[in-house]
Amino acid sequence: MGKPTGFMETARQLPDRRAVEERILDWLEVYGPFPEHALKAKAAPAPAALTNTSWAKRC
């Protein structure tokens, strides 16, 4: 399990907002894509106990 206090140690990051001029031309998301390196920094690693079970292999 990840650290219960991890959210207090890592600053909140949001992806960049798309410009209004660009957004009014389509129905896509307000935010642009989130950088891959930022996603990996935010994600907690899965505990070995969950990844090595038969339940996890069935999902």
N, C-alpha and C. Protein backbone atom coordinates (compact mmCIF):
# COMPACT_ATOMS: atom_id res chain seq x y z
N MET A 1 0.84 -1.17 0.00
CA MET A 1 0.00 0.00 0.00
C MET A 1 0.89 1.23 0.00
N GLY A 2 0.44 2.26 -0.67
CA GLY A 2 1.19 3.51 -0.70
C GLY A 2 1.17 4.19 0.65
N LYS A 3 1.94 5.25 0.77
CA LYS A 3 1.99 5.98 2.03
C LYS A 3 0.67 6.74 2.24
N PRO A 4 0.06 6.57 3.41
CA PRO A 4 -1.19 7.29 3.67
C PRO A 4 -1.03 8.81 3.67
N THR A 5 0.16 9.29 3.92
CA THR A 5 0.41 10.73 3.96
C THR A 5 1.08 11.23 2.68
N GLY A 6 1.15 10.40 1.66
CA GLY A 6 1.81 10.79 0.42
C GLY A 6 1.21 12.00 -0.25
N PHE A 7 -0.13 12.16 -0.13
CA PHE A 7 -0.78 13.31 -0.75
C PHE A 7 -0.35 14.62 -0.12
N MET A 8 0.13 14.57 1.13
CA MET A 8 0.58 15.80 1.78
C MET A 8 2.03 16.13 1.42
N GLU A 9 2.75 15.15 0.94
CA GLU A 9 4.17 15.35 0.62
C GLU A 9 4.39 15.75 -0.84
N THR A 10 3.43 15.47 -1.69
CA THR A 10 3.55 15.77 -3.11
C THR A 10 2.59 16.90 -3.47
N ALA A 11 3.12 17.91 -4.12
CA ALA A 11 2.28 19.05 -4.51
C ALA A 11 1.32 18.62 -5.62
N ARG A 12 0.13 19.19 -5.61
CA ARG A 12 -0.86 18.87 -6.63
C ARG A 12 -0.44 19.47 -7.96
N GLN A 13 -0.56 18.66 -8.99
CA GLN A 13 -0.22 19.11 -10.33
C GLN A 13 -1.43 18.90 -11.23
N LEU A 14 -1.72 19.85 -12.06
CA LEU A 14 -2.79 19.74 -13.04
C LEU A 14 -2.20 19.91 -14.43
N PRO A 15 -2.80 19.27 -15.43
CA PRO A 15 -2.32 19.48 -16.80
C PRO A 15 -2.67 20.90 -17.24
N ASP A 16 -2.01 21.36 -18.25
CA ASP A 16 -2.27 22.71 -18.78
C ASP A 16 -3.66 22.77 -19.39
N ARG A 17 -4.31 23.92 -19.21
CA ARG A 17 -5.62 24.15 -19.83
C ARG A 17 -5.43 24.55 -21.28
N ARG A 18 -6.32 24.06 -22.12
CA ARG A 18 -6.28 24.46 -23.52
C ARG A 18 -6.84 25.86 -23.65
N ALA A 19 -6.40 26.58 -24.66
CA ALA A 19 -6.86 27.94 -24.89
C ALA A 19 -8.34 27.95 -25.24
N VAL A 20 -9.04 28.99 -24.84
CA VAL A 20 -10.47 29.11 -25.11
C VAL A 20 -10.74 29.10 -26.61
N GLU A 21 -9.93 29.79 -27.36
CA GLU A 21 -10.10 29.86 -28.80
C GLU A 21 -10.04 28.48 -29.44
N GLU A 22 -9.24 27.61 -28.89
CA GLU A 22 -9.11 26.25 -29.40
C GLU A 22 -10.29 25.38 -28.93
N ARG A 23 -10.72 25.56 -27.70
CA ARG A 23 -11.77 24.73 -27.13
C ARG A 23 -13.14 24.97 -27.75
N ILE A 24 -13.41 26.21 -28.18
CA ILE A 24 -14.74 26.48 -28.74
C ILE A 24 -14.93 25.85 -30.13
N LEU A 25 -13.86 25.37 -30.71
CA LEU A 25 -13.94 24.75 -32.03
C LEU A 25 -14.24 23.26 -31.97
N ASP A 26 -14.17 22.65 -30.79
CA ASP A 26 -14.37 21.21 -30.69
C ASP A 26 -15.02 20.84 -29.35
N TRP A 27 -15.24 19.59 -29.14
CA TRP A 27 -15.85 19.09 -27.91
C TRP A 27 -14.84 18.28 -27.11
N LEU A 28 -13.58 18.55 -27.26
CA LEU A 28 -12.56 17.80 -26.55
C LEU A 28 -12.41 18.33 -25.12
N GLU A 29 -11.52 17.72 -24.38
CA GLU A 29 -11.32 18.07 -22.97
C GLU A 29 -10.80 19.49 -22.79
N VAL A 30 -11.07 20.06 -21.62
CA VAL A 30 -10.58 21.40 -21.28
C VAL A 30 -9.08 21.36 -21.05
N TYR A 31 -8.62 20.27 -20.44
CA TYR A 31 -7.19 20.13 -20.13
C TYR A 31 -6.48 19.35 -21.24
N GLY A 32 -5.23 19.70 -21.44
CA GLY A 32 -4.39 18.99 -22.40
C GLY A 32 -3.90 17.69 -21.79
N PRO A 33 -3.13 16.92 -22.53
CA PRO A 33 -2.61 15.66 -22.00
C PRO A 33 -1.66 15.89 -20.83
N PHE A 34 -1.71 14.99 -19.88
CA PHE A 34 -0.85 15.07 -18.70
C PHE A 34 0.48 14.40 -19.04
N PRO A 35 1.62 15.04 -18.73
CA PRO A 35 2.92 14.46 -19.07
C PRO A 35 3.13 13.09 -18.41
N GLU A 36 3.69 12.16 -19.16
CA GLU A 36 3.92 10.80 -18.68
C GLU A 36 4.77 10.77 -17.41
N HIS A 37 5.81 11.59 -17.35
CA HIS A 37 6.70 11.58 -16.18
C HIS A 37 5.96 12.05 -14.92
N ALA A 38 5.00 12.96 -15.09
CA ALA A 38 4.23 13.44 -13.94
C ALA A 38 3.27 12.36 -13.44
N LEU A 39 2.71 11.59 -14.37
CA LEU A 39 1.82 10.50 -13.97
C LEU A 39 2.57 9.44 -13.17
N LYS A 40 3.77 9.13 -13.61
CA LYS A 40 4.56 8.11 -12.90
C LYS A 40 4.98 8.60 -11.53
N ALA A 41 5.23 9.88 -11.39
CA ALA A 41 5.62 10.42 -10.09
C ALA A 41 4.45 10.40 -9.12
N LYS A 42 3.23 10.58 -9.61
CA LYS A 42 2.05 10.59 -8.76
C LYS A 42 1.59 9.20 -8.38
N ALA A 43 1.85 8.21 -9.23
CA ALA A 43 1.33 6.86 -9.01
C ALA A 43 2.11 6.15 -7.92
N ALA A 44 1.38 5.42 -7.11
CA ALA A 44 2.02 4.59 -6.08
C ALA A 44 2.25 3.20 -6.65
N PRO A 45 3.37 2.58 -6.33
CA PRO A 45 3.62 1.23 -6.84
C PRO A 45 2.65 0.23 -6.21
N ALA A 46 2.27 -0.78 -6.96
CA ALA A 46 1.37 -1.80 -6.44
C ALA A 46 2.12 -2.70 -5.46
N PRO A 47 1.52 -3.04 -4.34
CA PRO A 47 2.19 -3.91 -3.39
C PRO A 47 2.36 -5.31 -3.98
N ALA A 48 3.47 -5.95 -3.66
CA ALA A 48 3.76 -7.27 -4.19
C ALA A 48 2.70 -8.28 -3.76
N ALA A 49 2.12 -8.10 -2.60
CA ALA A 49 1.10 -9.04 -2.12
C ALA A 49 -0.12 -9.06 -3.03
N LEU A 50 -0.44 -7.95 -3.67
CA LEU A 50 -1.60 -7.91 -4.56
C LEU A 50 -1.26 -8.39 -5.96
N THR A 51 -0.07 -8.16 -6.43
CA THR A 51 0.28 -8.52 -7.80
C THR A 51 0.63 -9.99 -7.93
N ASN A 52 0.93 -10.67 -6.84
CA ASN A 52 1.34 -12.08 -6.90
C ASN A 52 0.21 -13.03 -6.54
N THR A 53 -1.00 -12.56 -6.42
CA THR A 53 -2.12 -13.44 -6.05
C THR A 53 -2.84 -13.93 -7.28
N SER A 54 -3.55 -15.04 -7.12
CA SER A 54 -4.32 -15.57 -8.24
C SER A 54 -5.46 -14.63 -8.60
N TRP A 55 -5.99 -13.89 -7.62
CA TRP A 55 -7.07 -12.95 -7.89
C TRP A 55 -6.59 -11.88 -8.86
N ALA A 56 -5.39 -11.34 -8.67
CA ALA A 56 -4.87 -10.29 -9.53
C ALA A 56 -4.61 -10.82 -10.94
N LYS A 57 -4.27 -12.08 -11.06
CA LYS A 57 -4.00 -12.66 -12.39
C LYS A 57 -5.28 -12.86 -13.18
N ARG A 58 -6.42 -13.03 -12.50
CA ARG A 58 -7.69 -13.24 -13.19
C ARG A 58 -8.26 -11.93 -13.71
N CYS A 59 -7.86 -10.81 -13.16
CA CYS A 59 -8.44 -9.52 -13.55
C CYS A 59 -7.80 -8.94 -14.77
